[in-house]
N, C-alpha and C. Protein backbone atom coordinates (compact mmCIF):
# COMPACT_ATOMS: atom_id res chain seq x y z
N MET A 1 50.12 64.15 83.17
CA MET A 1 49.33 62.66 82.74
C MET A 1 48.14 63.25 81.93
N ALA A 2 47.56 62.92 80.77
CA ALA A 2 46.58 63.33 80.13
C ALA A 2 45.56 62.48 80.87
N ALA A 3 44.36 62.87 80.88
CA ALA A 3 43.04 62.01 81.18
C ALA A 3 42.66 61.38 80.20
N ALA A 4 42.22 59.86 80.37
CA ALA A 4 41.79 58.97 79.49
C ALA A 4 40.48 59.17 79.15
N LYS A 5 40.28 58.83 77.70
CA LYS A 5 39.25 59.21 77.01
C LYS A 5 38.11 58.51 77.60
N PRO A 6 36.95 58.65 77.55
CA PRO A 6 35.88 57.64 77.99
C PRO A 6 35.56 57.16 76.85
N ILE A 7 35.32 55.58 77.64
CA ILE A 7 34.85 54.88 76.20
C ILE A 7 33.35 55.13 75.94
N ARG A 8 32.78 55.08 74.83
CA ARG A 8 31.55 55.48 74.32
C ARG A 8 31.10 54.39 73.21
N ILE A 9 29.92 53.93 72.96
CA ILE A 9 29.27 53.20 72.05
C ILE A 9 29.07 53.51 70.87
N LEU A 10 29.85 52.99 69.93
CA LEU A 10 29.33 53.56 68.72
C LEU A 10 28.39 52.95 67.86
N THR A 11 28.45 51.67 67.97
CA THR A 11 27.32 50.85 67.06
C THR A 11 26.90 49.65 68.09
N THR A 12 24.95 49.61 68.03
CA THR A 12 24.61 48.40 68.09
C THR A 12 23.77 47.81 67.40
N GLU A 13 23.78 46.30 67.40
CA GLU A 13 22.99 45.50 66.54
C GLU A 13 22.10 44.38 67.00
N HIS A 14 21.21 44.03 66.48
CA HIS A 14 20.40 42.97 67.23
C HIS A 14 21.20 41.74 66.67
N ASP A 15 21.08 40.80 68.20
CA ASP A 15 21.54 39.82 67.71
C ASP A 15 20.71 38.19 68.09
N GLY A 16 20.00 37.51 66.95
CA GLY A 16 19.27 36.93 67.46
C GLY A 16 17.52 37.49 68.11
N ASP A 17 16.84 36.71 68.64
CA ASP A 17 15.54 37.58 69.28
C ASP A 17 15.80 38.21 70.36
N ASP A 18 17.07 38.37 70.97
CA ASP A 18 16.81 38.78 72.56
C ASP A 18 18.10 39.06 72.44
N GLY A 19 18.94 39.42 71.75
CA GLY A 19 20.60 39.61 72.11
C GLY A 19 21.14 40.73 71.41
N LEU A 20 21.82 41.52 71.79
CA LEU A 20 22.51 42.79 71.25
C LEU A 20 23.93 42.88 71.58
N ILE A 21 24.62 43.24 70.19
CA ILE A 21 25.95 43.49 70.21
C ILE A 21 26.01 44.83 69.80
N VAL A 22 27.35 45.07 71.02
CA VAL A 22 27.99 46.73 71.16
C VAL A 22 29.14 46.56 70.65
N THR A 23 29.68 47.56 69.90
CA THR A 23 30.65 48.09 69.54
C THR A 23 31.21 49.20 70.21
N PHE A 24 32.22 49.59 70.97
CA PHE A 24 33.04 50.17 71.94
C PHE A 24 34.14 51.40 71.37
N SER A 25 33.99 52.57 71.34
CA SER A 25 35.23 53.29 70.73
C SER A 25 36.69 53.10 70.97
N ASP A 26 36.60 52.16 72.05
CA ASP A 26 38.02 51.29 72.07
C ASP A 26 38.34 50.33 71.38
N GLY A 27 37.74 49.81 70.47
CA GLY A 27 37.85 48.59 69.46
C GLY A 27 36.92 47.37 70.05
N THR A 28 36.54 47.48 71.02
CA THR A 28 36.22 46.08 71.79
C THR A 28 34.59 45.96 71.40
N THR A 29 34.24 44.68 71.51
CA THR A 29 32.70 44.32 71.23
C THR A 29 32.20 44.05 72.50
N GLY A 30 30.76 43.80 72.58
CA GLY A 30 30.30 42.94 73.78
C GLY A 30 29.01 42.16 73.23
N GLY A 31 28.80 41.28 73.63
CA GLY A 31 27.49 40.52 73.39
C GLY A 31 26.95 40.45 74.53
N TYR A 32 25.36 40.76 74.73
CA TYR A 32 24.59 40.90 75.81
C TYR A 32 23.56 40.38 75.22
N VAL A 33 22.52 39.55 76.24
CA VAL A 33 21.08 39.30 76.28
C VAL A 33 19.99 40.39 77.11
N ILE A 34 19.03 40.40 76.82
CA ILE A 34 18.23 41.45 77.63
C ILE A 34 18.43 41.63 78.99
N GLU A 35 18.36 39.95 79.51
CA GLU A 35 18.41 39.60 81.06
C GLU A 35 19.77 40.44 81.72
N GLU A 36 20.77 40.00 80.86
CA GLU A 36 22.00 40.70 81.46
C GLU A 36 21.91 42.40 81.33
N LEU A 37 21.21 42.84 80.62
CA LEU A 37 21.24 44.41 80.86
C LEU A 37 20.45 45.01 81.59
N LEU A 38 19.24 43.98 81.80
CA LEU A 38 18.06 44.67 82.86
C LEU A 38 18.98 44.47 84.42
N ALA A 39 19.95 43.44 84.47
CA ALA A 39 20.69 42.91 85.56
C ALA A 39 21.71 44.03 86.06
N LEU A 40 22.27 44.97 85.07
CA LEU A 40 23.19 46.20 84.77
C LEU A 40 22.38 47.36 85.62
N ARG A 41 21.43 47.35 85.11
CA ARG A 41 20.54 48.71 85.36
C ARG A 41 19.06 48.26 86.35
N PRO A 42 19.36 47.93 87.43
CA PRO A 42 18.55 47.31 88.54
C PRO A 42 17.35 48.67 88.37
N VAL A 43 17.86 49.67 88.77
CA VAL A 43 16.67 50.95 89.18
C VAL A 43 16.43 51.63 87.51
N ARG A 44 15.08 52.07 87.23
CA ARG A 44 14.93 52.47 85.76
C ARG A 44 14.07 53.64 86.04
N GLU A 45 14.99 54.58 85.55
CA GLU A 45 14.28 56.23 85.91
C GLU A 45 13.49 56.89 84.67
N ARG A 46 12.65 57.38 84.88
CA ARG A 46 11.74 58.32 84.22
C ARG A 46 12.89 59.25 83.02
N SER A 47 12.81 58.79 81.83
CA SER A 47 13.51 59.91 81.03
C SER A 47 12.77 61.03 80.43
N LYS A 48 13.61 62.18 79.93
CA LYS A 48 12.77 63.13 79.68
C LYS A 48 12.90 63.27 78.10
N THR A 49 13.81 62.44 77.65
CA THR A 49 14.20 62.73 76.05
C THR A 49 12.61 61.71 75.11
N LYS A 50 12.59 62.34 74.04
CA LYS A 50 11.70 60.90 73.50
C LYS A 50 12.11 59.75 73.16
N PRO A 51 11.18 58.77 72.97
CA PRO A 51 11.85 57.71 72.45
C PRO A 51 12.24 57.39 71.17
N ILE A 52 13.43 56.33 70.92
CA ILE A 52 13.95 55.94 70.01
C ILE A 52 12.99 55.15 69.11
N LYS A 53 12.75 55.24 67.91
CA LYS A 53 11.68 53.98 67.09
C LYS A 53 13.44 53.48 66.30
N THR A 54 13.10 52.21 66.00
CA THR A 54 14.09 51.61 65.38
C THR A 54 13.47 50.80 64.18
N THR A 55 14.03 51.04 62.91
CA THR A 55 13.68 50.56 61.73
C THR A 55 14.41 50.07 60.93
N LYS A 56 14.24 48.98 60.34
CA LYS A 56 15.11 48.14 59.63
C LYS A 56 15.11 48.46 58.59
N LYS A 57 16.26 49.29 57.66
CA LYS A 57 16.17 49.15 56.11
C LYS A 57 16.35 48.01 55.10
N ARG A 58 16.09 48.39 53.93
CA ARG A 58 15.90 47.46 53.03
C ARG A 58 17.42 46.45 52.91
N ASN A 59 18.67 46.86 53.34
CA ASN A 59 19.44 46.33 53.11
C ASN A 59 20.02 45.33 54.67
N GLY A 60 19.25 45.77 55.24
CA GLY A 60 19.28 44.82 56.71
C GLY A 60 19.99 45.80 57.98
N GLU A 61 20.42 46.81 57.47
CA GLU A 61 20.69 47.92 58.67
C GLU A 61 19.63 48.71 59.47
N LEU A 62 20.24 48.96 60.61
CA LEU A 62 19.05 49.40 61.27
C LEU A 62 19.03 50.99 61.51
N LYS A 63 17.90 51.84 61.48
CA LYS A 63 18.08 53.04 61.75
C LYS A 63 17.14 53.66 62.86
N ALA A 64 17.73 54.43 63.37
CA ALA A 64 17.45 55.01 64.82
C ALA A 64 16.92 56.47 64.68
N SER A 65 15.48 56.87 64.89
CA SER A 65 15.22 58.29 64.95
C SER A 65 14.21 58.74 66.35
N ARG A 66 14.02 59.82 66.48
CA ARG A 66 13.14 60.43 67.77
C ARG A 66 11.66 60.34 66.88
N VAL A 67 10.95 59.61 68.15
CA VAL A 67 9.56 59.49 67.49
C VAL A 67 8.81 61.12 68.29
């Protein structure tokens, strides 16, 4: 029996002021508000990676880059 492929996040989009729409590799999408995401991860940990800066392109798409 083959192992199931892990589901990955493919894209994220802003939705309103405090929302986020996530597209997953299994073809599903999920809509979240900030409060829901914080409840999923109640303990935050220090990250050794550089923060990501998100900028909006002229066509409205978001571009993420490391600062």
